[in-house]
Amino acid sequence: MTIADAAMAPDDLRRQPAVWTTPEQWKSIDRRLRVILPITMLFSISYFIWLLTPGREGNRYLFWALIAAQLFNFIQAVGFWWTCWPRRDRPAMPEAITYMPTVDVVIPIYNEDLDVVAPTVAAATAIRGAAVTVWLLDDAGRTELAELAKEWGARYIHREESFAAKAGNINNGLKEMSSQFVAIFDCDHVPDPTFLERTMGWMENPDVAIVQTPQYYSNAHTGRLAAAATSQQDLFFGAIARGKDRLGSMICCGTNFVVRRSALDEVGGFPTDALTEDFVLSMRLQRNEWETVYVNEVLARGLAPEDMSSYVSQQIRWSRGCVAAIGTAFQYRLPRVIRLQYLFSSMFFLTGWTIALYIAMPVLRIFTGLQPFNGANSAQMLANFAPYFCLSLIAVAVAGGGSYTFDAYCLFVANFWIQLVATYLVLTGTPFKWIVTPKSGSDGREPGAVKPAIAIVGLLAVTIAYGLWQGLTPSIATNIAFALLYAAVIVVGMWPALVGNRSHRLAPAPVLVEEAFEDQEEMDVLLPELEGV
């Protein structure tokens, strides 16, 4: 579908308003958190008291492996509760900068389609609030992109030697730029004309290096997987990012942000030795005592992965980059609170190892008889664990203001194996290759993208059948219940890949441009011009 075709789509499909939590809604969420988080903490403590009471131990190795996994999850949960605990909001943005700042608006491009890039370029040239120069940094050297830049009055750079992926592309482009500030947008993230008007006021503080805004996905309506991936992002850029900002530890997220050029130069530009260059850049800036700011307002709209292959490639890159950054977080001299926030964020990508252990437990019990708890306590495990587990999920749902869905949780669990692969690649030092997340997904089924999940569900199905054949003792019944739970969650998580569940397909350009331009006159001028791209 071309941009012109999409422009003719019905209005209800073309226009998808940003669904974002309002300040008033956050006040209501904070009130509920003050109730649910202490209750969740009490049930968590009660569960661990039961868990660590002498006499529970069955197989020693399995028992202490389970204790270690449960403690890891509990520490991560405490980090989440601490981050999201209600605190005073950031005050209103200071008055706009009294002089006209200069801003280089940078759009790094690798091999993305023209109909994805075009609306971002068009919208970038319409950004107000500064003397803006738009730059297309093309890593592929396509003539059509050079023509696109010329048409919209943007500057075009193609580097002859491609290295260090996005970070190297941006660093190369920075050599030609001289503005006081740099705003960066992934090529599928269409900025609002008001982006700088809503962010640059924070740069009045000379200690602020980065002002980050949400990475908002505008195509959640295109299918179940895109909706689940959007839900995961909304939880981070809602509850978590808001909490990080309150703790002075917001991280750069790679797109939809503006950075002070002097701060960027001070730390040597974007790190070229990291897959998550934005994450490491944040640490380097805060190590040098620069501050970061988060503006909890949708000021750019982008595209979520629409198929499982795209989602997996994105998550492998994020997981590997963040796991590799754990050592950096320990190494850098950072304030204690900020260091802890980086550790909680990066070590989250080790959670897959605990899920792998939990899945293995019922399999080992039913096939070998080995279990972490003795027979008398095995059946009690479910009764003590269930309230703790359910309340923890409820706390996440409350903190997210309803943005975090069951599908999002299942998608994460079904792809736990990604974090195992990422850890292995980091530990073995396997050279990494940058893989750009595709901006338009496959309409068909993708069983190959979920082979590990299919194999695990098959193993759990055999385990359940063998357990039923053995006979339902309390211990076996408990382990069958856990196996059923894991299998059901994984099936829900991989379902979009099995059925190709996409409600409808829509080219992104007019959708994103219409959302970004609230001024109808601006939009009426821009859309016809885009139709000819």
Protein backbone atom coordinates (compact mmCIF):
# COMPACT_ATOMS: atom_id res chain seq x y z
CA MET A 1 0.00 0.00 0.00
CA THR A 2 1.37 3.41 -0.97
CA ILE A 3 1.10 6.58 1.04
CA ALA A 4 -1.44 7.86 -1.43
CA ASP A 5 -3.54 4.69 -0.99
CA ALA A 6 -3.41 5.00 2.78
CA ALA A 7 -4.48 8.63 2.59
CA MET A 8 -7.74 7.42 1.05
CA ALA A 9 -8.44 5.01 3.93
CA PRO A 10 -11.56 5.58 6.07
CA ASP A 11 -11.11 8.14 8.81
CA ASP A 12 -11.70 5.64 11.60
CA LEU A 13 -8.71 3.61 10.39
CA ARG A 14 -6.47 6.52 9.49
CA ARG A 15 -6.79 8.46 12.70
CA GLN A 16 -5.75 6.70 15.91
CA PRO A 17 -5.57 9.21 18.80
CA ALA A 18 -2.78 8.72 21.30
CA VAL A 19 -4.10 6.91 24.36
CA TRP A 20 -1.98 8.18 27.22
CA THR A 21 -2.55 8.50 30.96
CA THR A 22 -3.44 12.03 32.03
CA PRO A 23 -2.09 13.82 35.15
CA GLU A 24 -5.48 13.43 36.83
CA GLN A 25 -5.50 9.70 36.13
CA TRP A 26 -1.98 9.42 37.59
CA LYS A 27 -3.25 10.96 40.83
CA SER A 28 -5.88 8.23 41.06
CA ILE A 29 -3.29 5.55 40.26
CA ASP A 30 -0.98 6.90 42.97
CA ARG A 31 -3.77 6.68 45.55
CA ARG A 32 -4.37 3.03 44.68
CA LEU A 33 -0.66 2.27 44.76
CA ARG A 34 -0.45 3.56 48.33
CA VAL A 35 -2.88 0.77 49.23
CA ILE A 36 -1.91 -2.12 46.96
CA LEU A 37 1.87 -1.94 47.31
CA PRO A 38 1.98 -2.34 51.13
CA ILE A 39 -0.51 -5.22 50.88
CA THR A 40 1.60 -6.87 48.18
CA MET A 41 4.70 -6.43 50.33
CA LEU A 42 3.01 -8.07 53.33
CA PHE A 43 1.91 -11.10 51.31
CA SER A 44 5.38 -11.34 49.77
CA ILE A 45 7.02 -11.37 53.20
CA SER A 46 4.49 -13.92 54.42
CA TYR A 47 5.29 -16.19 51.46
CA PHE A 48 9.03 -15.99 52.05
CA ILE A 49 8.60 -16.70 55.76
CA TRP A 50 6.73 -19.86 54.80
CA LEU A 51 9.30 -20.69 52.13
CA LEU A 52 12.30 -20.36 54.46
CA THR A 53 10.79 -22.11 57.47
CA PRO A 54 12.98 -25.11 58.42
CA GLY A 55 11.67 -28.46 57.24
CA ARG A 56 10.52 -27.41 53.80
CA GLU A 57 13.55 -28.74 51.97
CA GLY A 58 13.21 -31.68 49.60
CA ASN A 59 16.05 -32.03 47.10
CA ARG A 60 18.71 -29.67 48.44
CA TYR A 61 19.97 -28.44 45.07
CA LEU A 62 16.52 -27.81 43.62
CA PHE A 63 15.38 -26.16 46.84
CA TRP A 64 18.19 -23.62 46.94
CA ALA A 65 18.01 -23.02 43.20
CA LEU A 66 14.33 -22.19 43.69
CA ILE A 67 15.13 -19.93 46.67
CA ALA A 68 17.73 -18.06 44.58
CA ALA A 69 15.27 -17.59 41.70
CA GLN A 70 12.49 -16.46 44.01
CA LEU A 71 14.80 -13.98 45.76
CA PHE A 72 15.91 -12.59 42.41
CA ASN A 73 12.29 -12.05 41.38
CA PHE A 74 11.47 -10.55 44.79
CA ILE A 75 14.39 -8.09 44.55
CA GLN A 76 13.24 -7.10 41.07
CA ALA A 77 9.72 -6.63 42.41
CA VAL A 78 10.99 -4.45 45.24
CA GLY A 79 12.88 -2.38 42.67
CA PHE A 80 9.68 -1.98 40.65
CA TRP A 81 7.66 -0.97 43.73
CA TRP A 82 10.36 1.47 44.82
CA THR A 83 10.48 3.02 41.35
CA CYS A 84 6.71 3.36 41.04
CA TRP A 85 5.99 4.46 44.61
CA PRO A 86 4.05 7.77 44.54
CA ARG A 87 6.25 10.83 44.93
CA ARG A 88 6.02 14.48 44.03
CA ASP A 89 5.70 15.05 40.29
CA ARG A 90 8.16 17.11 38.32
CA PRO A 91 7.06 20.78 38.39
CA ALA A 92 5.84 22.56 35.27
CA MET A 93 8.40 23.13 32.55
CA PRO A 94 10.37 26.36 32.96
CA GLU A 95 9.62 29.24 30.63
CA ALA A 96 10.75 28.70 27.06
CA ILE A 97 14.32 29.61 26.22
CA THR A 98 14.49 33.37 25.74
CA TYR A 99 16.68 33.12 22.64
CA MET A 100 16.23 31.02 19.52
CA PRO A 101 18.32 27.86 20.09
CA THR A 102 19.82 25.92 17.22
CA VAL A 103 18.83 22.25 16.96
CA ASP A 104 20.02 19.53 14.59
CA VAL A 105 17.15 17.10 14.10
CA VAL A 106 18.73 13.76 13.21
CA ILE A 107 17.00 10.82 11.49
CA PRO A 108 19.32 7.77 11.18
CA ILE A 109 18.29 5.38 8.40
CA TYR A 110 19.51 1.92 7.43
CA ASN A 111 17.28 0.04 5.00
CA GLU A 112 13.78 1.17 5.95
CA ASP A 113 11.12 1.70 3.28
CA LEU A 114 10.59 5.16 1.85
CA ASP A 115 6.95 5.26 2.96
CA VAL A 116 8.15 4.80 6.55
CA VAL A 117 10.87 7.45 6.36
CA ALA A 118 8.95 10.11 4.39
CA PRO A 119 6.42 11.17 7.06
CA THR A 120 9.16 11.45 9.67
CA VAL A 121 11.20 13.74 7.44
CA ALA A 122 8.18 15.82 6.51
CA ALA A 123 7.10 16.22 10.13
CA ALA A 124 10.64 16.99 11.30
CA THR A 125 10.89 19.93 8.92
CA ALA A 126 7.75 21.39 10.52
CA ILE A 127 9.05 21.33 14.11
CA ARG A 128 8.73 24.72 15.79
CA GLY A 129 10.49 26.38 18.71
CA ALA A 130 14.08 26.51 17.43
CA ALA A 131 16.25 27.13 14.41
CA VAL A 132 15.99 23.57 13.09
CA THR A 133 18.20 21.78 10.59
CA VAL A 134 16.96 18.31 9.61
CA TRP A 135 19.54 15.66 8.73
CA LEU A 136 19.00 12.30 7.04
CA LEU A 137 21.86 9.96 7.90
CA ASP A 138 21.66 7.21 5.31
CA ASP A 139 23.69 4.06 5.93
CA ALA A 140 22.65 2.45 2.64
CA GLY A 141 23.28 5.21 0.10
CA ARG A 142 19.93 5.28 -1.69
CA THR A 143 19.29 7.91 -4.33
CA GLU A 144 15.62 8.20 -3.41
CA LEU A 145 16.54 9.25 0.14
CA ALA A 146 18.83 11.97 -1.15
CA GLU A 147 15.96 13.19 -3.32
CA LEU A 148 13.57 13.03 -0.38
CA ALA A 149 15.92 15.17 1.72
CA LYS A 150 16.26 17.72 -1.08
CA GLU A 151 12.49 17.89 -1.56
CA TRP A 152 11.90 18.75 2.11
CA GLY A 153 14.89 21.03 2.55
CA ALA A 154 16.81 18.58 4.73
CA ARG A 155 20.52 17.79 4.69
CA TYR A 156 21.66 14.36 3.52
CA ILE A 157 24.75 12.37 4.58
CA HIS A 158 25.78 8.96 3.34
CA ARG A 159 28.92 7.55 4.90
CA GLU A 160 31.08 5.41 2.68
CA GLU A 161 32.21 3.01 5.40
CA SER A 162 29.49 1.56 7.62
CA PHE A 163 30.53 0.58 11.14
CA ALA A 164 29.05 0.57 14.67
CA ALA A 165 25.50 0.62 13.29
CA LYS A 166 23.24 3.44 14.50
CA ALA A 167 25.78 4.89 16.95
CA GLY A 168 28.47 5.04 14.26
CA ASN A 169 26.05 6.56 11.79
CA ILE A 170 25.08 9.34 14.20
CA ASN A 171 28.67 10.02 15.28
CA ASN A 172 29.70 10.34 11.65
CA GLY A 173 26.90 12.81 11.02
CA LEU A 174 27.76 14.86 14.10
CA LYS A 175 31.06 15.82 12.43
CA GLU A 176 29.06 17.98 10.01
CA MET A 177 26.73 19.50 12.62
CA SER A 178 27.28 22.51 14.83
CA SER A 179 23.97 23.26 16.61
CA GLN A 180 23.72 23.65 20.37
CA PHE A 181 21.32 20.72 20.68
CA VAL A 182 20.60 17.48 18.86
CA ALA A 183 17.15 15.87 18.62
CA ILE A 184 17.06 12.25 17.46
CA PHE A 185 14.14 10.31 16.01
CA ASP A 186 14.12 6.79 14.66
CA CYS A 187 12.94 6.91 11.07
CA ASP A 188 9.51 5.48 11.95
CA HIS A 189 8.82 7.99 14.77
CA VAL A 190 6.93 11.02 13.53
CA PRO A 191 7.47 14.08 15.76
CA ASP A 192 4.86 16.65 16.71
CA PRO A 193 5.49 20.21 15.51
CA THR A 194 5.49 21.14 19.23
CA PHE A 195 8.23 18.67 20.18
CA LEU A 196 10.86 21.31 20.95
CA GLU A 197 8.34 23.73 22.45
CA ARG A 198 7.42 21.03 25.00
CA THR A 199 11.00 19.96 25.81
CA MET A 200 13.51 22.76 25.34
CA GLY A 201 12.40 24.70 28.42
CA TRP A 202 14.15 22.07 30.54
CA MET A 203 17.42 22.93 28.82
CA GLU A 204 17.32 26.29 30.64
CA ASN A 205 19.02 24.27 33.40
CA PRO A 206 22.65 24.05 32.22
CA ASP A 207 23.09 20.74 34.07
CA VAL A 208 20.47 18.93 31.97
CA ALA A 209 21.95 16.81 29.18
CA ILE A 210 18.93 14.87 27.91
CA VAL A 211 15.19 15.42 27.74
CA GLN A 212 13.47 12.14 26.88
CA THR A 213 9.85 11.66 25.77
CA PRO A 214 7.82 8.43 25.42
CA GLN A 215 8.44 5.88 22.71
CA TYR A 216 4.80 5.65 21.77
CA TYR A 217 3.53 3.01 19.34
CA SER A 218 0.69 4.15 17.13
CA ASN A 219 -0.07 0.84 15.39
CA ALA A 220 -1.34 -1.15 18.38
CA HIS A 221 -4.64 -1.61 16.54
CA THR A 222 -3.04 -3.61 13.71
CA GLY A 223 -2.91 -6.90 15.57
CA ARG A 224 -2.64 -8.78 18.82
CA LEU A 225 1.15 -8.86 18.89
CA ALA A 226 1.52 -5.15 18.15
CA ALA A 227 -0.97 -4.45 20.94
CA ALA A 228 0.95 -6.60 23.42
CA ALA A 229 4.30 -5.05 22.48
CA THR A 230 2.73 -1.60 22.85
CA SER A 231 1.45 -2.56 26.29
CA GLN A 232 4.95 -3.54 27.40
CA GLN A 233 6.34 -0.20 26.21
CA ASP A 234 3.50 1.77 27.79
CA LEU A 235 4.27 0.24 31.18
CA PHE A 236 7.88 1.37 30.94
CA PHE A 237 7.20 4.85 29.58
CA GLY A 238 4.31 5.32 31.97
CA ALA A 239 4.84 4.04 35.50
CA ILE A 240 8.53 3.13 35.32
CA ALA A 241 9.88 6.13 33.41
CA ARG A 242 7.80 8.46 35.55
CA GLY A 243 9.32 6.90 38.66
CA LYS A 244 12.84 7.00 37.29
CA ASP A 245 12.42 10.68 36.55
CA ARG A 246 11.32 11.32 40.13
CA LEU A 247 14.49 9.54 41.30
CA GLY A 248 16.71 11.51 38.92
CA SER A 249 17.65 8.40 36.95
CA MET A 250 15.75 8.51 33.66
CA ILE A 251 17.64 6.79 30.85
CA CYS A 252 18.01 7.78 27.21
CA CYS A 253 15.85 5.48 25.08
CA GLY A 254 17.34 5.99 21.63
CA THR A 255 14.57 8.01 19.99
CA ASN A 256 12.28 10.96 20.68
CA PHE A 257 14.80 12.87 22.79
CA VAL A 258 16.93 15.99 22.65
CA VAL A 259 20.51 16.11 23.96
CA ARG A 260 22.84 19.01 24.70
CA ARG A 261 25.68 18.89 22.17
CA SER A 262 28.35 19.96 24.67
CA ALA A 263 27.38 17.10 26.99
CA LEU A 264 27.42 14.63 24.10
CA ASP A 265 30.87 15.79 23.02
CA GLU A 266 32.15 15.58 26.60
CA VAL A 267 31.48 11.82 26.74
CA GLY A 268 32.77 11.13 23.24
CA GLY A 269 29.49 10.90 21.39
CA PHE A 270 27.35 7.78 21.18
CA PRO A 271 29.06 4.59 22.44
CA THR A 272 30.06 2.42 19.49
CA ASP A 273 30.90 -0.66 21.56
CA ALA A 274 27.36 -1.36 22.82
CA LEU A 275 24.19 -2.75 21.26
CA THR A 276 22.14 -0.47 23.50
CA GLU A 277 24.14 2.68 22.88
CA ASP A 278 21.41 4.84 24.41
CA PHE A 279 21.53 2.97 27.74
CA VAL A 280 25.31 3.24 28.02
CA LEU A 281 25.24 6.88 26.89
CA SER A 282 22.94 7.66 29.82
CA MET A 283 25.36 6.09 32.28
CA ARG A 284 28.31 8.01 30.85
CA LEU A 285 26.44 11.29 31.09
CA GLN A 286 25.28 10.68 34.65
CA ARG A 287 28.75 9.49 35.62
CA ASN A 288 29.87 12.98 34.55
CA GLU A 289 27.13 14.49 36.75
CA TRP A 290 24.83 15.49 33.92
CA GLU A 291 21.08 15.31 34.62
CA THR A 292 18.30 13.73 32.61
CA VAL A 293 14.64 14.76 32.36
CA TYR A 294 11.57 12.78 31.32
CA VAL A 295 8.56 14.57 29.79
CA ASN A 296 5.59 12.23 30.22
CA GLU A 297 3.76 13.44 27.13
CA VAL A 298 3.40 11.82 23.71
CA LEU A 299 5.34 14.06 21.33
CA ALA A 300 6.18 11.50 18.62
CA ARG A 301 4.45 8.41 17.27
CA GLY A 302 6.15 5.28 16.00
CA LEU A 303 5.60 1.65 15.05
CA ALA A 304 5.58 -1.45 17.24
CA PRO A 305 6.77 -4.82 15.88
CA GLU A 306 3.85 -6.33 14.00
CA ASP A 307 5.03 -9.92 13.75
CA MET A 308 6.92 -12.31 15.99
CA SER A 309 10.15 -12.27 13.97
CA SER A 310 10.36 -8.49 14.34
CA TYR A 311 9.61 -8.70 18.04
CA VAL A 312 12.23 -11.40 18.63
CA SER A 313 14.96 -9.49 16.77
CA GLN A 314 14.17 -6.36 18.77
CA GLN A 315 14.17 -8.19 22.10
CA ILE A 316 17.42 -10.05 21.42
CA ARG A 317 19.16 -6.74 20.72
CA TRP A 318 17.72 -5.08 23.83
CA SER A 319 18.38 -8.10 26.05
CA ARG A 320 21.94 -8.57 24.90
CA GLY A 321 22.76 -4.89 25.19
CA CYS A 322 21.34 -4.54 28.69
CA VAL A 323 22.91 -7.75 30.01
CA ALA A 324 26.27 -6.55 28.70
CA ALA A 325 25.70 -3.23 30.49
CA ILE A 326 25.41 -4.86 33.95
CA GLY A 327 29.18 -4.77 34.37
CA THR A 328 29.26 -1.16 33.21
CA ALA A 329 26.72 -0.19 35.87
CA PHE A 330 28.96 -1.71 38.54
CA GLN A 331 32.11 -0.20 37.07
CA TYR A 332 31.02 3.41 36.67
CA ARG A 333 31.14 5.77 39.63
CA LEU A 334 27.48 6.68 39.89
CA PRO A 335 25.31 7.95 42.76
CA ARG A 336 23.86 5.02 44.70
CA VAL A 337 20.23 5.57 43.68
CA ILE A 338 21.13 5.98 40.01
CA ARG A 339 23.38 2.90 40.05
CA LEU A 340 20.59 0.82 41.57
CA GLN A 341 18.15 2.01 38.92
CA TYR A 342 20.51 0.99 36.14
CA LEU A 343 21.07 -2.38 37.77
CA PHE A 344 17.35 -3.02 38.17
CA SER A 345 16.80 -2.11 34.51
CA SER A 346 19.65 -4.18 33.09
CA MET A 347 19.23 -7.20 35.36
CA PHE A 348 15.56 -7.44 34.43
CA PHE A 349 16.85 -9.13 31.28
CA LEU A 350 18.05 -12.06 33.37
CA THR A 351 14.49 -12.87 34.44
CA GLY A 352 14.23 -15.49 31.71
CA TRP A 353 16.56 -17.75 33.70
CA THR A 354 14.10 -17.86 36.60
CA ILE A 355 11.23 -18.67 34.25
CA ALA A 356 13.28 -21.52 32.77
CA LEU A 357 13.85 -22.90 36.27
CA TYR A 358 10.17 -22.67 37.21
CA ILE A 359 9.17 -24.52 34.04
CA ALA A 360 11.75 -27.22 34.75
CA MET A 361 10.47 -27.91 38.28
CA PRO A 362 7.22 -29.80 37.44
CA VAL A 363 8.99 -31.66 34.63
CA LEU A 364 11.70 -32.90 37.00
CA ARG A 365 9.19 -33.84 39.69
CA ILE A 366 6.90 -35.85 37.45
CA PHE A 367 9.62 -37.64 35.47
CA THR A 368 12.26 -38.17 38.17
CA GLY A 369 10.53 -37.67 41.49
CA LEU A 370 12.96 -34.88 42.41
CA GLN A 371 11.32 -31.82 43.92
CA PRO A 372 12.45 -28.79 45.93
CA PHE A 373 9.94 -29.40 48.73
CA ASN A 374 9.32 -32.50 50.77
CA GLY A 375 6.11 -34.36 50.13
CA ALA A 376 4.25 -32.93 53.09
CA ASN A 377 4.83 -29.35 51.94
CA SER A 378 4.58 -29.67 48.19
CA ALA A 379 0.80 -29.28 48.11
CA GLN A 380 1.02 -26.23 50.43
CA MET A 381 3.28 -24.47 47.93
CA LEU A 382 0.41 -23.56 45.62
CA ALA A 383 -1.73 -22.17 48.43
CA ASN A 384 1.08 -19.92 49.68
CA PHE A 385 2.47 -18.96 46.30
CA ALA A 386 -0.81 -18.07 44.56
CA PRO A 387 -1.73 -14.97 46.65
CA TYR A 388 1.83 -13.62 46.41
CA PHE A 389 1.98 -14.16 42.65
CA CYS A 390 -1.49 -12.80 41.90
CA LEU A 391 -1.04 -9.70 44.05
CA SER A 392 2.28 -9.00 42.35
CA LEU A 393 0.58 -9.06 38.94
CA ILE A 394 -2.24 -6.87 40.25
CA ALA A 395 0.30 -4.36 41.57
CA VAL A 396 1.91 -4.17 38.11
CA ALA A 397 -1.50 -3.69 36.49
CA VAL A 398 -2.42 -0.94 38.96
CA ALA A 399 0.94 0.81 38.54
CA GLY A 400 0.48 0.79 34.79
CA GLY A 401 -2.97 2.31 35.03
CA GLY A 402 -4.42 -0.53 32.99
CA SER A 403 -1.81 -0.24 30.24
CA TYR A 404 -0.20 -3.61 31.05
CA THR A 405 -2.33 -6.43 29.67
CA PHE A 406 -2.37 -10.19 30.17
CA ASP A 407 -1.30 -10.61 26.54
CA ALA A 408 1.78 -8.45 27.25
CA TYR A 409 2.72 -10.67 30.20
CA CYS A 410 2.20 -13.85 28.16
CA LEU A 411 4.27 -12.48 25.27
CA PHE A 412 7.15 -11.86 27.67
CA VAL A 413 6.93 -15.33 29.28
CA ALA A 414 6.62 -17.14 25.93
CA ASN A 415 9.86 -15.49 24.80
CA PHE A 416 11.86 -16.01 28.00
CA TRP A 417 14.36 -18.05 25.98
CA ILE A 418 15.55 -14.83 24.31
CA GLN A 419 17.19 -13.74 27.57
CA LEU A 420 18.96 -17.10 27.87
CA VAL A 421 20.37 -16.69 24.37
CA ALA A 422 21.36 -13.09 25.08
CA THR A 423 23.20 -14.08 28.26
CA TYR A 424 25.05 -16.86 26.44
CA LEU A 425 26.11 -14.47 23.66
CA VAL A 426 27.40 -11.94 26.20
CA LEU A 427 29.30 -14.52 28.26
CA THR A 428 30.91 -16.09 25.19
CA GLY A 429 31.77 -12.73 23.66
CA THR A 430 30.13 -13.67 20.38
CA PRO A 431 30.49 -10.75 17.95
CA PHE A 432 27.22 -8.96 17.54
CA LYS A 433 25.54 -7.87 14.35
CA TRP A 434 23.08 -5.02 14.38
CA ILE A 435 19.64 -6.11 13.13
CA VAL A 436 17.14 -3.36 12.40
CA THR A 437 13.64 -4.16 13.64
CA PRO A 438 11.40 -4.42 10.54
CA LYS A 439 8.85 -1.60 10.38
CA SER A 440 6.17 -3.66 8.66
CA GLY A 441 5.38 -7.20 9.64
CA SER A 442 4.38 -10.39 7.92
CA ASP A 443 0.67 -11.13 7.53
CA GLY A 444 1.14 -14.88 7.64
CA ARG A 445 1.87 -17.47 10.30
CA GLU A 446 5.37 -17.65 11.78
CA PRO A 447 5.78 -20.92 13.66
CA GLY A 448 9.52 -20.76 13.04
CA ALA A 449 9.79 -17.65 15.22
CA VAL A 450 8.36 -19.52 18.21
CA LYS A 451 10.04 -22.91 17.85
CA PRO A 452 11.47 -22.81 21.39
CA ALA A 453 8.03 -21.99 22.81
CA ILE A 454 6.39 -24.78 20.80
CA ALA A 455 8.98 -27.27 22.04
CA ILE A 456 8.42 -26.19 25.67
CA VAL A 457 4.64 -26.50 25.38
CA GLY A 458 5.11 -29.95 23.88
CA LEU A 459 7.34 -30.96 26.79
CA LEU A 460 4.80 -29.64 29.30
CA ALA A 461 1.97 -31.50 27.54
CA VAL A 462 3.89 -34.78 27.77
CA THR A 463 4.69 -34.03 31.41
CA ILE A 464 1.01 -33.45 32.22
CA ALA A 465 -0.05 -36.65 30.44
CA TYR A 466 2.59 -38.72 32.24
CA GLY A 467 1.62 -37.19 35.57
CA LEU A 468 -2.04 -38.09 35.06
CA TRP A 469 -1.02 -41.62 34.12
CA GLN A 470 0.96 -41.94 37.38
CA GLY A 471 -2.02 -40.97 39.50
CA LEU A 472 -3.01 -37.76 41.25
CA THR A 473 -1.18 -37.62 44.53
CA PRO A 474 -1.22 -34.12 46.12
CA SER A 475 2.37 -33.54 45.00
CA ILE A 476 1.77 -34.62 41.39
CA ALA A 477 -1.49 -32.63 41.22
CA THR A 478 0.34 -29.48 42.34
CA ASN A 479 3.02 -29.93 39.70
CA ILE A 480 0.44 -30.63 36.99
CA ALA A 481 -1.30 -27.39 37.98
CA PHE A 482 1.94 -25.45 37.53
CA ALA A 483 2.66 -27.18 34.21
CA LEU A 484 -0.82 -26.29 32.98
CA LEU A 485 -0.33 -22.68 34.04
CA TYR A 486 3.00 -22.34 32.23
CA ALA A 487 1.68 -24.07 29.10
CA ALA A 488 -1.42 -21.86 28.96
CA VAL A 489 0.58 -18.64 29.37
CA ILE A 490 3.10 -19.65 26.69
CA VAL A 491 0.35 -20.64 24.24
CA VAL A 492 -1.33 -17.25 24.68
CA GLY A 493 2.02 -15.53 24.20
CA MET A 494 2.92 -17.33 20.98
CA TRP A 495 -0.61 -17.41 19.57
CA PRO A 496 -0.18 -14.42 17.20
CA ALA A 497 2.72 -16.22 15.51
CA LEU A 498 0.67 -19.40 15.09
CA VAL A 499 -2.41 -17.79 13.57
CA GLY A 500 -1.03 -14.62 11.97
CA ASN A 501 -3.60 -12.62 13.90
CA ARG A 502 -3.64 -9.19 12.26
CA SER A 503 -6.97 -7.34 12.30
CA HIS A 504 -6.07 -5.11 9.34
CA ARG A 505 -3.02 -3.68 7.66
CA LEU A 506 -2.49 0.06 7.33
CA ALA A 507 0.45 2.02 5.95
CA PRO A 508 1.77 4.15 8.79
CA ALA A 509 2.44 7.49 7.15
CA PRO A 510 -0.96 9.24 7.17
CA VAL A 511 -1.86 7.76 10.55
CA LEU A 512 1.23 9.14 12.21
CA VAL A 513 1.16 12.47 10.39
CA GLU A 514 -2.46 13.06 11.29
CA GLU A 515 -1.76 12.31 14.93
CA ALA A 516 1.29 14.53 15.03
CA PHE A 517 -0.41 17.56 13.49
CA GLU A 518 -3.22 18.80 15.67
CA ASP A 519 -3.55 21.89 13.46
CA GLN A 520 -5.91 20.85 10.68
CA GLU A 521 -4.50 23.44 8.27
CA GLU A 522 -0.96 22.10 8.71
CA MET A 523 -2.18 18.57 8.13
CA ASP A 524 -4.18 19.52 5.03
CA VAL A 525 -1.05 21.03 3.50
CA LEU A 526 1.26 18.16 4.45
CA LEU A 527 -0.80 15.11 3.46
CA PRO A 528 -1.27 16.00 -0.23
CA GLU A 529 2.47 16.62 -0.51
CA LEU A 530 3.21 13.23 1.03
CA GLU A 531 0.90 11.51 -1.46
CA GLY A 532 3.38 12.29 -4.19
CA VAL A 533 6.42 10.84 -2.35
